[in-house]
Amino acid sequence: MTATETTPLAGRRSSQPRGPSRRVRLPWLAAAAGLAVLVAALVLWGFGRAAERREVVMVVAPVEAGDPITDAALGSTMAAIDSSSTQLFSASQRAELVGKIAAVDLAPGDLLGPSLISAGVSVPDGWLEIGGLLRAGRYPVSLSVGDQLLALSSRPSATTGR
């Protein structure tokens, strides 16, 4: 048997240099923890606001300006709304929109609001709706797509002679 000598670890001298002492800086640790809590609260608040959605009317088929809106052209989708003053039609108003006239060209995916439709006067029996091509500068600037005008014929009618 051989005798071995043990020395305590504290008394040993190592030939390798020791690294820097590891101190925990409590103010920095507290600031990092506070920042993590703040970020988590902001993320949860943001997702909570995004969850406040309501069902609104959406166009699912193209509708040209001046054409009546059909039920087949309307659908619904959920939309996040920031305030109650947002001008979009809710899904419960969908039946009221059928038959209204599109004020502008509507493409699939458009959300319907009051500025995109007009009540539109239907054409009475015996009347015709016609389109006309007007060159730039040859019509009033207040005229826009879908406006109704009165057209008078300058030629005598074949049936009345007037």
Protein backbone atom coordinates (compact mmCIF):
# COMPACT_ATOMS: atom_id res chain seq x y z
CA MET A 1 0.00 0.00 0.00
CA THR A 2 1.08 3.46 -0.74
CA ALA A 3 0.19 6.50 1.18
CA THR A 4 -1.52 9.30 -0.65
CA GLU A 5 -1.66 12.80 0.50
CA THR A 6 -4.79 14.85 0.02
CA THR A 7 -4.85 18.59 0.07
CA PRO A 8 -7.95 20.72 0.37
CA LEU A 9 -9.10 22.39 -2.84
CA ALA A 10 -8.74 25.86 -1.42
CA GLY A 11 -5.10 25.27 -0.71
CA ARG A 12 -4.27 24.08 -4.20
CA ARG A 13 -2.62 26.42 -6.57
CA SER A 14 -3.53 25.95 -10.16
CA SER A 15 -1.20 26.81 -12.95
CA GLN A 16 -4.18 28.15 -14.99
CA PRO A 17 -5.39 31.67 -14.31
CA ARG A 18 -8.81 32.09 -12.75
CA GLY A 19 -11.60 33.78 -14.76
CA PRO A 20 -13.35 36.94 -13.70
CA SER A 21 -15.46 36.70 -10.62
CA ARG A 22 -19.13 36.19 -11.38
CA ARG A 23 -21.23 38.71 -9.61
CA VAL A 24 -24.93 39.13 -10.17
CA ARG A 25 -25.83 42.74 -10.70
CA LEU A 26 -29.27 42.95 -9.12
CA PRO A 27 -30.36 46.27 -10.71
CA TRP A 28 -29.68 44.90 -14.20
CA LEU A 29 -31.43 41.63 -13.39
CA ALA A 30 -34.47 43.48 -12.03
CA ALA A 31 -34.58 45.74 -15.13
CA ALA A 32 -34.43 42.73 -17.47
CA ALA A 33 -37.20 40.95 -15.56
CA GLY A 34 -39.34 44.10 -15.61
CA LEU A 35 -38.79 44.51 -19.36
CA ALA A 36 -39.79 40.87 -19.96
CA VAL A 37 -43.01 41.38 -17.97
CA LEU A 38 -43.78 44.59 -19.90
CA VAL A 39 -43.27 42.92 -23.28
CA ALA A 40 -45.47 39.98 -22.26
CA ALA A 41 -48.22 42.38 -21.12
CA LEU A 42 -48.07 44.32 -24.41
CA VAL A 43 -48.26 41.13 -26.49
CA LEU A 44 -51.25 39.86 -24.49
CA TRP A 45 -52.98 43.24 -24.80
CA GLY A 46 -52.40 43.29 -28.56
CA PHE A 47 -53.81 39.81 -29.07
CA GLY A 48 -56.74 40.70 -26.85
CA ARG A 49 -57.57 43.72 -29.01
CA ALA A 50 -57.25 41.68 -32.20
CA ALA A 51 -59.73 39.19 -30.80
CA GLU A 52 -62.43 41.89 -30.73
CA ARG A 53 -63.85 41.07 -34.13
CA ARG A 54 -67.25 41.41 -35.69
CA GLU A 55 -68.79 39.85 -38.76
CA VAL A 56 -69.02 42.27 -41.70
CA VAL A 57 -70.26 42.05 -45.31
CA MET A 58 -67.66 41.24 -47.96
CA VAL A 59 -67.88 41.06 -51.76
CA VAL A 60 -67.22 37.53 -53.09
CA ALA A 61 -67.94 38.13 -56.80
CA PRO A 62 -67.12 41.16 -58.99
CA VAL A 63 -69.83 43.81 -59.37
CA GLU A 64 -69.43 46.67 -61.84
CA ALA A 65 -70.36 50.24 -60.99
CA GLY A 66 -74.03 50.89 -61.71
CA ASP A 67 -75.03 47.22 -61.46
CA PRO A 68 -77.34 45.94 -58.71
CA ILE A 69 -75.70 43.90 -55.95
CA THR A 70 -76.96 40.32 -55.84
CA ASP A 71 -77.06 38.00 -52.87
CA ALA A 72 -74.62 35.65 -54.64
CA ALA A 73 -72.05 38.49 -54.78
CA LEU A 74 -72.09 38.98 -51.00
CA GLY A 75 -70.44 36.99 -48.24
CA SER A 76 -69.20 37.71 -44.75
CA THR A 77 -65.93 37.72 -42.88
CA MET A 78 -64.65 38.56 -39.43
CA ALA A 79 -62.83 41.88 -39.14
CA ALA A 80 -61.06 43.53 -36.22
CA ILE A 81 -62.72 46.88 -35.61
CA ASP A 82 -61.01 49.59 -33.55
CA SER A 83 -64.05 51.74 -32.85
CA SER A 84 -67.79 51.71 -33.28
CA SER A 85 -67.55 54.60 -35.75
CA THR A 86 -66.11 52.36 -38.48
CA GLN A 87 -68.38 52.55 -41.52
CA LEU A 88 -68.82 48.89 -42.47
CA PHE A 89 -72.06 46.96 -42.86
CA SER A 90 -72.51 44.13 -40.35
CA ALA A 91 -73.52 40.67 -41.56
CA SER A 92 -77.01 41.20 -40.15
CA GLN A 93 -77.52 43.99 -42.73
CA ARG A 94 -76.73 41.74 -45.70
CA ALA A 95 -80.38 41.34 -46.80
CA GLU A 96 -80.79 45.13 -46.91
CA LEU A 97 -77.88 45.43 -49.37
CA VAL A 98 -79.31 43.06 -51.98
CA GLY A 99 -80.63 45.13 -54.88
CA LYS A 100 -78.66 48.27 -54.01
CA ILE A 101 -76.55 49.75 -56.81
CA ALA A 102 -72.75 49.61 -56.71
CA ALA A 103 -71.35 53.16 -56.76
CA VAL A 104 -67.88 51.91 -57.78
CA ASP A 105 -66.47 48.70 -59.23
CA LEU A 106 -66.46 46.10 -56.45
CA ALA A 107 -63.84 43.34 -56.44
CA PRO A 108 -63.85 40.14 -54.40
CA GLY A 109 -62.47 40.82 -50.93
CA ASP A 110 -63.82 44.39 -50.67
CA LEU A 111 -65.54 45.16 -47.37
CA LEU A 112 -68.80 47.02 -47.97
CA GLY A 113 -69.43 50.44 -46.52
CA PRO A 114 -71.99 53.17 -47.25
CA SER A 115 -69.69 55.00 -49.67
CA LEU A 116 -69.47 51.96 -51.97
CA ILE A 117 -73.19 51.60 -52.65
CA SER A 118 -76.09 53.83 -53.62
CA ALA A 119 -79.79 53.24 -53.23
CA GLY A 120 -80.13 53.84 -56.94
CA VAL A 121 -83.44 54.54 -58.60
CA SER A 122 -84.62 51.56 -60.56
CA VAL A 123 -85.50 52.17 -64.18
CA PRO A 124 -89.29 52.52 -64.53
CA ASP A 125 -91.19 50.31 -66.96
CA GLY A 126 -90.99 51.62 -70.49
CA TRP A 127 -87.65 53.33 -69.90
CA LEU A 128 -84.20 52.07 -70.88
CA GLU A 129 -80.86 52.50 -69.24
CA ILE A 130 -78.11 53.25 -71.74
CA GLY A 131 -74.43 53.99 -71.45
CA GLY A 132 -72.60 56.80 -73.14
CA LEU A 133 -69.00 57.56 -73.95
CA LEU A 134 -68.00 61.11 -73.13
CA ARG A 135 -64.63 62.56 -74.05
CA ALA A 136 -62.56 64.30 -71.39
CA GLY A 137 -63.54 67.93 -70.96
CA ARG A 138 -66.92 67.41 -72.70
CA TYR A 139 -68.94 66.86 -69.54
CA PRO A 140 -69.34 68.54 -66.13
CA VAL A 141 -66.52 67.76 -63.68
CA SER A 142 -69.11 66.79 -61.05
CA LEU A 143 -70.22 63.84 -63.22
CA SER A 144 -68.93 60.43 -62.08
CA VAL A 145 -69.46 56.75 -62.86
CA GLY A 146 -72.96 55.59 -61.96
CA ASP A 147 -74.59 59.06 -62.07
CA GLN A 148 -77.99 59.23 -63.73
CA LEU A 149 -78.65 61.71 -66.52
CA LEU A 150 -81.61 62.59 -68.69
CA ALA A 151 -80.95 62.03 -72.38
CA LEU A 152 -83.16 63.64 -75.00
CA SER A 153 -83.25 62.50 -78.58
CA SER A 154 -82.60 65.13 -81.23
CA ARG A 155 -83.98 62.96 -84.03
CA PRO A 156 -87.69 62.53 -84.64
CA SER A 157 -89.15 59.25 -83.46
CA ALA A 158 -90.33 56.83 -86.14
CA THR A 159 -93.62 56.25 -84.32
CA THR A 160 -94.58 59.80 -83.33
CA GLY A 161 -92.84 61.85 -86.03
CA ARG A 162 -91.76 64.42 -83.44
